[in-house]
Protein backbone atom coordinates (compact mmCIF):
# COMPACT_ATOMS: atom_id res chain seq x y z
CA MET A 1 -40.01 26.91 -53.24
CA VAL A 2 -42.75 25.44 -51.07
CA THR A 3 -46.22 26.83 -50.53
CA PRO A 4 -49.36 25.84 -48.65
CA PRO A 5 -51.67 23.79 -50.90
CA GLN A 6 -54.14 25.93 -52.81
CA ARG A 7 -56.57 23.27 -53.98
CA SER A 8 -59.94 22.61 -52.42
CA PHE A 9 -59.31 18.93 -51.70
CA HIS A 10 -60.05 17.50 -48.28
CA VAL A 11 -57.75 15.24 -46.29
CA VAL A 12 -59.45 12.14 -44.90
CA HIS A 13 -57.93 10.34 -41.92
CA PHE A 14 -59.19 6.81 -41.24
CA ASN A 15 -58.20 3.79 -39.18
CA GLU A 16 -57.40 0.22 -40.23
CA ASP A 17 -61.14 -0.62 -40.09
CA LYS A 18 -61.71 2.18 -42.64
CA ASP A 19 -63.70 4.24 -40.13
CA VAL A 20 -63.28 7.94 -40.88
CA LYS A 21 -61.75 9.75 -37.93
CA GLU A 22 -61.36 13.25 -39.38
CA ILE A 23 -61.93 15.25 -42.54
CA SER A 24 -60.10 18.53 -42.92
CA GLU A 25 -59.28 21.01 -45.66
CA LEU A 26 -55.96 20.37 -47.35
CA CYS A 27 -55.15 24.08 -47.44
CA LYS A 28 -55.56 24.25 -43.63
CA SER A 29 -53.62 21.05 -42.93
CA GLY A 30 -50.27 22.66 -42.12
CA LEU A 31 -48.71 20.80 -45.06
CA TRP A 32 -46.50 22.49 -47.62
CA VAL A 33 -46.24 21.41 -51.25
CA ASN A 34 -43.39 21.55 -53.70
CA ALA A 35 -44.16 24.52 -55.94
CA GLY A 36 -41.81 23.19 -58.58
CA TYR A 37 -39.02 25.77 -58.48
CA PHE A 38 -35.48 24.65 -57.74
CA VAL A 39 -32.08 26.31 -57.66
CA PHE A 40 -29.15 23.91 -57.91
CA LYS A 41 -25.41 23.95 -58.01
CA ASN A 42 -23.78 21.96 -60.81
CA GLU A 43 -23.00 19.23 -58.25
CA ILE A 44 -26.64 18.08 -58.48
CA PHE A 45 -25.53 15.99 -61.47
CA ASP A 46 -23.25 14.00 -59.17
CA TYR A 47 -26.42 12.71 -57.46
CA LEU A 48 -28.67 12.28 -60.49
CA ARG A 49 -28.36 9.07 -62.49
CA PRO A 50 -29.55 8.64 -66.11
CA GLY A 51 -33.29 7.98 -66.21
CA GLU A 52 -33.69 8.71 -62.51
CA ASP A 53 -36.43 11.02 -61.22
CA LEU A 54 -35.12 14.19 -59.58
CA VAL A 55 -37.36 14.11 -56.50
CA ASP A 56 -37.30 10.35 -55.88
CA GLY A 57 -33.65 10.04 -56.82
CA ALA A 58 -31.16 12.87 -56.29
CA LEU A 59 -33.14 14.86 -53.74
CA GLN A 60 -33.72 11.81 -51.54
CA LYS A 61 -29.94 11.30 -51.43
CA LEU A 62 -29.35 14.92 -50.43
CA ILE A 63 -31.94 15.12 -47.63
CA PRO A 64 -29.93 13.09 -45.06
CA GLN A 65 -26.92 15.28 -45.79
CA ASN A 66 -28.92 18.47 -45.01
CA GLU A 67 -28.15 19.73 -48.48
CA ILE A 68 -31.68 20.89 -49.30
CA ALA A 69 -33.34 24.04 -48.03
CA VAL A 70 -36.68 25.57 -48.92
CA TYR A 71 -38.07 29.02 -49.48
CA PRO A 72 -41.51 29.07 -47.82
CA TYR A 73 -43.83 31.27 -49.88
CA GLU A 74 -47.25 32.26 -48.57
CA GLY A 75 -48.22 34.64 -51.34
CA THR A 76 -50.42 33.93 -54.33
CA TRP A 77 -49.46 30.71 -56.05
CA ILE A 78 -51.96 29.18 -58.44
CA THR A 79 -51.27 26.20 -60.64
CA MET A 80 -52.44 26.00 -64.23
CA ASP A 81 -52.18 22.28 -64.83
CA ILE A 82 -55.75 21.56 -65.89
CA PHE A 83 -58.40 23.32 -67.95
CA LYS A 84 -60.44 24.21 -64.85
CA GLU A 85 -57.44 26.12 -63.44
CA LYS A 86 -56.95 27.95 -66.76
CA GLN A 87 -60.59 28.99 -66.66
CA LEU A 88 -60.17 30.21 -63.08
CA LEU A 89 -57.13 32.30 -64.00
CA ASP A 90 -58.80 33.67 -67.14
CA ASP A 91 -61.85 34.64 -65.08
CA MET A 92 -59.69 36.33 -62.45
CA HIS A 93 -57.81 38.21 -65.17
CA SER A 94 -61.01 39.40 -66.85
CA ARG A 95 -62.18 40.79 -63.46
CA GLY A 96 -58.85 42.53 -62.91
CA GLU A 97 -58.01 40.21 -60.00
CA THR A 98 -54.36 39.58 -60.80
CA PRO A 99 -52.39 39.20 -57.56
CA TRP A 100 -49.53 37.60 -59.54
CA GLU A 101 -48.83 40.94 -61.22
CA VAL A 102 -46.69 42.09 -58.31
CA TRP A 103 -44.99 44.75 -60.44
CA LYS A 104 -48.27 46.72 -60.38
CA GLU A 105 -47.93 47.07 -56.59
CA SER A 106 -44.31 48.19 -56.59
CA LYS A 107 -41.86 50.27 -58.50
CA LEU A 108 -40.58 47.17 -60.26
CA LYS A 109 -41.41 46.93 -63.92
CA PRO A 110 -41.72 43.69 -65.90
CA VAL A 111 -38.76 42.69 -68.01
CA THR A 112 -39.49 42.90 -71.71
CA ALA A 113 -37.49 41.36 -74.52
């Protein structure tokens, strides 16, 4: 799955003299980021060597063979990698702003164990 970046970083473009030519918002850059979800066939292990990174190893070998496709997702996607992001999500939850709870908007119910 790929998604537009959600972070508030800015992209800085500069020339070889280090003169800034443009500053733009990352989330409006037209770039897509790896959202970290993959679906593979068992054959992925034919391309992945012991100790090798998935993205820099196996996936790079599959790209020229057109063996990788993406699912572009433009809905709510918020990382929780750092404490600041946890605080953001906790604050949103306490205000009832929970766009990730898609089952509340449809007839789907969450799966319980």
